[in-house]
Amino acid sequence: MTEAYDSDELSDLEQRIDGWLAALAAENERIVAVDRDADAIRWYVRMRGDDKEFTTVWLTLGQRTLRYETHVMPAPEENDAEVYEHLLRRNDRLVGAHFSIGIEDAIFLRGEMPVGQVTQSELDRVLGTLYADVEQCFQSLLRIGFRRRFDA
């Protein structure tokens, strides 16, 4: 089991994450906003995309893990089985993240890492991975799950 961090260790890591995200935002023009949730140790990193206008990654710090996730698309209107097969096949190639079904059957890309592995380079890798994976699959998922809208 991953070791739980105490409040002082989490507070120190929280401050480092604040600094890392500020530095990433300053050097990466794709990052358009970094915000904090006032009620939880949670960050929102909003990135401008090409295929998907914006991708927002939520980072949530717990005692044992840093969870990360992004909303990919709403529940498909049609061809559900084809969408889910496409996602499962993509899951096989992903490292550190996976597609899942979330609230209102929407599609999310999620992952987590032990708190002890959180570094600036890992945060950069996580944000880059989620951003790239969403950009690579977004248009094809829309065309499968909302085909009638594209055929009109």
Protein backbone atom coordinates (compact mmCIF):
# COMPACT_ATOMS: atom_id res chain seq x y z
CA MET A 1 0.00 0.00 0.00
CA THR A 2 1.19 3.51 -0.78
CA GLU A 3 2.33 5.42 2.29
CA ALA A 4 0.00 8.18 3.52
CA TYR A 5 1.52 11.63 3.80
CA ASP A 6 0.88 13.77 6.87
CA SER A 7 -0.56 17.29 6.68
CA ASP A 8 2.86 19.01 6.73
CA GLU A 9 4.18 16.85 3.88
CA LEU A 10 1.00 17.42 1.87
CA SER A 11 1.17 21.16 2.49
CA ASP A 12 4.78 21.22 1.23
CA LEU A 13 3.84 19.20 -1.87
CA GLU A 14 0.81 21.42 -2.45
CA GLN A 15 3.05 24.51 -2.52
CA ARG A 16 5.50 22.81 -4.88
CA ILE A 17 2.64 21.84 -7.24
CA ASP A 18 1.43 25.46 -7.19
CA GLY A 19 4.92 26.59 -8.21
CA TRP A 20 5.38 23.89 -10.85
CA LEU A 21 2.04 24.63 -12.47
CA ALA A 22 2.76 28.37 -12.49
CA ALA A 23 6.12 27.70 -14.18
CA LEU A 24 4.54 25.34 -16.74
CA ALA A 25 1.86 27.92 -17.55
CA ALA A 26 4.50 30.62 -17.99
CA GLU A 27 6.53 28.57 -20.46
CA ASN A 28 3.77 26.74 -22.38
CA GLU A 29 1.46 28.81 -24.57
CA ARG A 30 -1.08 25.96 -24.73
CA ILE A 31 -1.86 26.42 -21.02
CA VAL A 32 -4.38 29.25 -20.83
CA ALA A 33 -5.33 28.97 -17.14
CA VAL A 34 -4.40 27.30 -13.87
CA ASP A 35 -6.96 27.62 -11.08
CA ARG A 36 -7.48 26.18 -7.61
CA ASP A 37 -10.56 24.76 -5.91
CA ALA A 38 -11.09 26.63 -2.65
CA ASP A 39 -12.66 23.62 -0.90
CA ALA A 40 -10.17 20.86 -1.81
CA ILE A 41 -6.55 20.40 -2.79
CA ARG A 42 -7.49 20.47 -6.44
CA TRP A 43 -6.17 22.29 -9.50
CA TYR A 44 -7.73 22.94 -12.92
CA VAL A 45 -5.33 23.23 -15.84
CA ARG A 46 -7.02 24.51 -19.00
CA MET A 47 -5.16 23.94 -22.28
CA ARG A 48 -6.00 25.21 -25.77
CA GLY A 49 -6.22 22.41 -28.31
CA ASP A 50 -6.39 21.98 -32.05
CA ASP A 51 -9.03 19.26 -32.47
CA LYS A 52 -10.79 19.90 -29.17
CA GLU A 53 -11.00 23.61 -28.44
CA PHE A 54 -10.04 23.23 -24.77
CA THR A 55 -8.94 20.35 -22.56
CA THR A 56 -9.19 20.88 -18.81
CA VAL A 57 -7.26 18.53 -16.55
CA TRP A 58 -8.27 18.27 -12.90
CA LEU A 59 -5.51 17.34 -10.46
CA THR A 60 -6.63 16.21 -6.99
CA LEU A 61 -4.12 15.65 -4.20
CA GLY A 62 -4.99 13.05 -1.58
CA GLN A 63 -3.00 11.56 1.29
CA ARG A 64 -1.69 8.76 -0.90
CA THR A 65 -2.20 9.69 -4.55
CA LEU A 66 -2.48 12.51 -7.04
CA ARG A 67 -5.48 11.79 -9.25
CA TYR A 68 -5.82 13.38 -12.67
CA GLU A 69 -8.67 13.38 -15.14
CA THR A 70 -10.17 15.18 -18.09
CA HIS A 71 -13.60 15.13 -19.72
CA VAL A 72 -13.20 13.84 -23.27
CA MET A 73 -16.76 13.95 -24.61
CA PRO A 74 -20.40 13.47 -23.60
CA ALA A 75 -22.07 10.07 -23.80
CA PRO A 76 -22.33 8.93 -27.43
CA GLU A 77 -25.73 9.40 -29.07
CA GLU A 78 -25.24 6.34 -31.30
CA ASN A 79 -22.81 3.52 -32.04
CA ASP A 80 -22.07 3.02 -28.32
CA ALA A 81 -20.44 -0.38 -28.80
CA GLU A 82 -18.13 0.98 -31.52
CA VAL A 83 -17.12 3.94 -29.32
CA TYR A 84 -16.39 1.69 -26.33
CA GLU A 85 -14.42 -0.79 -28.45
CA HIS A 86 -12.38 2.11 -29.85
CA LEU A 87 -11.65 3.31 -26.29
CA LEU A 88 -10.75 -0.16 -24.99
CA ARG A 89 -8.30 -0.63 -27.84
CA ARG A 90 -6.75 2.76 -27.05
CA ASN A 91 -6.55 1.83 -23.34
CA ASP A 92 -4.26 -1.04 -24.28
CA ARG A 93 -1.66 1.44 -25.57
CA LEU A 94 -1.92 4.04 -22.79
CA VAL A 95 0.58 4.34 -19.95
CA GLY A 96 -0.52 5.96 -16.69
CA ALA A 97 -4.07 6.77 -17.82
CA HIS A 98 -7.20 5.02 -19.00
CA PHE A 99 -10.50 5.92 -20.63
CA SER A 100 -13.56 5.43 -18.44
CA ILE A 101 -17.25 6.17 -18.26
CA GLY A 102 -18.16 8.83 -15.71
CA ILE A 103 -21.09 10.95 -14.62
CA GLU A 104 -23.98 10.99 -17.11
CA ASP A 105 -22.12 8.28 -19.07
CA ALA A 106 -19.62 10.85 -20.35
CA ILE A 107 -16.17 9.68 -21.47
CA PHE A 108 -13.21 10.62 -19.25
CA LEU A 109 -9.47 10.00 -19.36
CA ARG A 110 -8.15 9.32 -15.85
CA GLY A 111 -5.15 8.14 -13.90
CA GLU A 112 -3.31 8.50 -10.63
CA MET A 113 0.17 8.26 -9.20
CA PRO A 114 1.54 7.78 -5.69
CA VAL A 115 2.22 11.09 -3.93
CA GLY A 116 5.90 10.13 -3.56
CA GLN A 117 6.29 10.10 -7.35
CA VAL A 118 4.92 13.61 -7.92
CA THR A 119 7.65 15.75 -9.49
CA GLN A 120 7.63 18.62 -11.96
CA SER A 121 8.65 16.28 -14.77
CA GLU A 122 5.86 13.84 -13.86
CA LEU A 123 3.28 16.66 -13.81
CA ASP A 124 4.52 17.76 -17.21
CA ARG A 125 4.32 14.17 -18.51
CA VAL A 126 0.78 13.71 -17.14
CA LEU A 127 -0.51 16.95 -18.64
CA GLY A 128 1.20 16.21 -21.95
CA THR A 129 -0.13 12.65 -22.05
CA LEU A 130 -3.73 13.62 -21.34
CA TYR A 131 -3.57 16.53 -23.78
CA ALA A 132 -2.03 14.42 -26.58
CA ASP A 133 -4.38 11.46 -26.08
CA VAL A 134 -7.46 13.68 -26.20
CA GLU A 135 -6.19 15.48 -29.29
CA GLN A 136 -5.44 12.17 -31.04
CA CYS A 137 -8.85 10.60 -30.49
CA PHE A 138 -11.37 13.42 -30.11
CA GLN A 139 -12.44 13.85 -33.74
CA SER A 140 -12.68 10.11 -34.44
CA LEU A 141 -14.74 9.54 -31.27
CA LEU A 142 -17.13 12.34 -32.23
CA ARG A 143 -17.51 10.96 -35.75
CA ILE A 144 -18.37 7.51 -34.35
CA GLY A 145 -20.58 8.57 -31.44
CA PHE A 146 -22.38 11.43 -33.21
CA ARG A 147 -22.27 10.17 -36.82
CA ARG A 148 -25.65 11.58 -37.84
CA ARG A 149 -24.53 15.10 -36.99
CA PHE A 150 -21.58 14.75 -39.37
CA ASP A 151 -23.61 13.13 -42.17
CA ALA A 152 -26.15 15.95 -42.28
